[in-house]
Amino acid sequence: MWQEELKKIWNSAFALDDGVWTEFVAQWRKEKILKRNEFLDEPGKIEDTLYFVKRGAMRLYYPLEEEEICVGFAYPPS
């Protein structure tokens, strides 16, 4: 189950007791699976969601008219 995978990832950095964890994980209601070269969001949208990478890799960048500014990469478990 993806909630258990998320708990392992989260607990590697922050330990939460079971009651707090239950409230915390309730915020994630679904899993989002992206295909290769698919965008997580559209340019200009202000993101208010926290995502975790379970498999694959993700490039984070700002698209500008003349170039793309790469600000990082995300790999599992992150």
Protein backbone atom coordinates (compact mmCIF):
# COMPACT_ATOMS: atom_id res chain seq x y z
CA MET A 1 0.00 0.00 0.00
CA TRP A 2 1.39 3.43 -0.92
CA GLN A 3 0.76 4.85 2.56
CA GLU A 4 3.25 2.41 4.05
CA GLU A 5 5.83 3.37 1.42
CA LEU A 6 5.26 7.03 2.24
CA LYS A 7 5.65 6.28 5.96
CA LYS A 8 9.06 4.65 5.34
CA ILE A 9 10.22 7.65 3.29
CA TRP A 10 8.95 10.17 5.85
CA ASN A 11 10.30 8.29 8.88
CA SER A 12 13.78 8.24 7.34
CA ALA A 13 13.89 12.01 8.01
CA PHE A 14 11.23 12.71 10.66
CA ALA A 15 9.87 10.36 13.30
CA LEU A 16 6.16 10.78 13.97
CA ASP A 17 4.15 8.84 16.53
CA ASP A 18 1.30 6.75 15.12
CA GLY A 19 -1.48 9.23 16.03
CA VAL A 20 0.26 12.16 14.35
CA TRP A 21 1.17 9.97 11.37
CA THR A 22 -2.48 8.93 10.89
CA GLU A 23 -3.59 12.57 10.75
CA PHE A 24 -0.67 13.49 8.51
CA VAL A 25 -1.16 10.73 5.92
CA ALA A 26 -4.90 11.43 5.73
CA GLN A 27 -3.95 14.51 3.66
CA TRP A 28 -2.88 12.24 0.77
CA ARG A 29 -5.97 10.80 -0.79
CA LYS A 30 -4.58 9.44 -4.03
CA GLU A 31 -1.51 8.41 -5.92
CA LYS A 32 -0.50 10.31 -9.05
CA ILE A 33 1.36 8.34 -11.71
CA LEU A 34 3.11 10.25 -14.48
CA LYS A 35 4.19 8.87 -17.84
CA ARG A 36 7.63 9.63 -19.25
CA ASN A 37 7.88 13.31 -20.28
CA GLU A 38 4.50 14.10 -18.71
CA PHE A 39 4.29 17.30 -16.64
CA LEU A 40 3.25 17.25 -13.00
CA ASP A 41 1.72 20.72 -13.32
CA GLU A 42 1.27 23.49 -15.81
CA PRO A 43 3.56 26.53 -16.02
CA GLY A 44 2.49 29.48 -13.90
CA LYS A 45 0.41 27.45 -11.43
CA ILE A 46 1.23 27.98 -7.77
CA GLU A 47 1.59 24.52 -6.27
CA ASP A 48 0.04 23.76 -2.90
CA THR A 49 0.63 20.01 -2.87
CA LEU A 50 3.52 17.95 -1.53
CA TYR A 51 4.62 15.05 -3.74
CA PHE A 52 6.90 12.08 -3.11
CA VAL A 53 8.81 10.22 -5.81
CA LYS A 54 8.43 6.47 -5.45
CA ARG A 55 10.00 5.35 -8.74
CA GLY A 56 11.87 6.99 -11.59
CA ALA A 57 13.27 10.51 -11.61
CA MET A 58 11.90 14.02 -11.95
CA ARG A 59 13.56 17.21 -13.17
CA LEU A 60 12.52 20.47 -11.53
CA TYR A 61 12.90 23.59 -13.65
CA TYR A 62 11.58 27.04 -14.51
CA PRO A 63 10.66 27.49 -18.18
CA LEU A 64 11.71 30.88 -19.52
CA GLU A 65 11.25 32.23 -23.03
CA GLU A 66 14.91 31.82 -23.99
CA GLU A 67 15.91 28.84 -21.81
CA GLU A 68 14.97 26.46 -19.00
CA ILE A 69 16.52 26.95 -15.57
CA CYS A 70 17.04 23.55 -13.92
CA VAL A 71 16.79 23.83 -10.13
CA GLY A 72 17.11 20.18 -9.19
CA PHE A 73 16.22 16.54 -9.60
CA ALA A 74 14.06 14.24 -7.49
CA TYR A 75 14.75 10.54 -7.06
CA PRO A 76 13.19 7.88 -4.86
CA PRO A 77 12.81 7.87 -1.98
CA SER A 78 12.26 11.62 -1.91
